[in-house]
C-alpha cells in the first residue's frame, strides 16, 4: 500500500512541477522544439513491421488449424472403417 501512495505522490508532485513550468513561455517553446518526430522512412518501417506481425499471426492460426485437420484425418484413417447398423 505504501508503494502505491508513494507512486501517486510522485505523480502529483511531477504534475505540479509541470504546471509551474508551463507558466514560463520560453520553457514551453523549448519543450516543443526539442520533440523529435520519426522520419517518413521510420514510420514506413514501423507500419510494415506491424503489418508483417499481423500476417504472421494469421498464418500461425491457419497453420494450426491445417495441422489439426491433418492430425484428425490421419487418426481417423488409422482406425479403419466401422459399420454401424441401426436397431431393427
Protein backbone atom coordinates (compact mmCIF):
# COMPACT_ATOMS: atom_id res chain seq x y z
CA UNK A 1 0.00 0.00 0.00
CA UNK A 2 2.86 2.37 0.76
CA UNK A 3 4.28 1.86 -2.72
CA UNK A 4 1.04 2.98 -4.32
CA UNK A 5 0.87 6.07 -2.13
CA UNK A 6 4.48 6.97 -2.90
CA UNK A 7 3.92 6.45 -6.62
CA UNK A 8 0.80 8.60 -6.58
CA UNK A 9 2.52 11.36 -4.60
CA UNK A 10 5.42 11.37 -7.06
CA UNK A 11 2.95 11.63 -9.93
CA UNK A 12 1.21 14.57 -8.26
CA UNK A 13 4.48 16.37 -7.47
CA UNK A 14 5.66 15.96 -11.06
CA UNK A 15 2.33 17.30 -12.32
CA UNK A 16 2.64 20.34 -10.07
CA UNK A 17 6.20 20.96 -11.33
CA UNK A 18 4.96 20.85 -14.93
CA UNK A 19 2.16 23.28 -14.10
CA UNK A 20 4.75 25.71 -12.68
CA UNK A 21 6.97 25.31 -15.75
CA UNK A 22 4.10 25.95 -18.17
CA UNK A 23 3.79 29.47 -16.81
CA UNK A 24 7.14 30.19 -18.49
CA UNK A 25 6.51 30.55 -22.26
CA UNK A 26 10.21 30.01 -23.08
CA UNK A 27 10.13 26.59 -21.40
CA UNK A 28 7.05 25.64 -23.41
CA UNK A 29 8.69 26.73 -26.70
CA UNK A 30 11.91 24.87 -25.86
CA UNK A 31 9.98 21.74 -24.94
CA UNK A 32 8.01 21.77 -28.19
CA UNK A 33 11.16 22.47 -30.22
CA UNK A 34 13.01 19.56 -28.58
CA UNK A 35 10.45 16.96 -29.71
CA UNK A 36 11.97 14.64 -32.32
CA UNK A 37 9.47 13.13 -34.70
CA UNK A 38 10.03 9.97 -36.70
CA UNK A 39 11.07 10.35 -40.29
CA UNK A 40 8.78 9.04 -43.01
CA UNK A 41 11.17 6.11 -43.60
CA UNK A 42 10.94 5.13 -39.92
CA UNK A 43 7.16 5.44 -39.95
CA UNK A 44 7.01 3.23 -43.04
CA UNK A 45 9.25 0.65 -41.35
CA UNK A 46 7.07 0.61 -38.21
CA UNK A 47 3.89 0.21 -40.24
CA UNK A 48 5.44 -2.57 -42.35
CA UNK A 49 6.56 -4.37 -39.18
CA UNK A 50 3.06 -4.12 -37.71
CA UNK A 51 1.59 -5.46 -40.96
CA UNK A 52 4.04 -8.37 -41.02
CA UNK A 53 3.24 -9.25 -37.41
CA UNK A 54 -0.45 -9.30 -38.28
CA UNK A 55 0.15 -11.50 -41.32
CA UNK A 56 2.38 -13.77 -39.25
CA UNK A 57 -0.35 -14.17 -36.63
CA UNK A 58 -2.94 -15.04 -39.26
CA UNK A 59 -0.52 -17.50 -40.87
CA UNK A 60 0.17 -19.15 -37.50
CA UNK A 61 -3.56 -19.59 -36.83
CA UNK A 62 -4.13 -21.05 -40.31
CA UNK A 63 -1.18 -23.43 -39.91
CA UNK A 64 -2.53 -24.61 -36.56
CA UNK A 65 -5.96 -25.34 -38.00
CA UNK A 66 -4.49 -27.16 -41.01
CA UNK A 67 -2.22 -29.21 -38.74
CA UNK A 68 -5.18 -30.11 -36.54
CA UNK A 69 -7.21 -31.16 -39.55
CA UNK A 70 -4.33 -33.31 -40.87
CA UNK A 71 -3.84 -34.90 -37.45
CA UNK A 72 -7.53 -35.77 -37.16
CA UNK A 73 -7.60 -37.12 -40.72
CA UNK A 74 -4.59 -39.35 -40.03
CA UNK A 75 -6.10 -40.56 -36.75
CA UNK A 76 -9.37 -41.44 -38.46
CA UNK A 77 -7.54 -43.18 -41.32
CA UNK A 78 -5.71 -45.45 -38.86
CA UNK A 79 -8.91 -46.53 -37.15
CA UNK A 80 -10.26 -48.30 -40.17
CA UNK A 81 -13.85 -48.45 -41.31
CA UNK A 82 -16.58 -49.09 -38.77
CA UNK A 83 -20.06 -50.13 -39.93
CA UNK A 84 -22.95 -49.42 -37.64
CA UNK A 85 -26.44 -50.66 -38.17
CA UNK A 86 -29.50 -49.29 -36.54
CA UNK A 87 -31.72 -51.38 -34.28
CA UNK A 88 -34.21 -53.47 -36.11
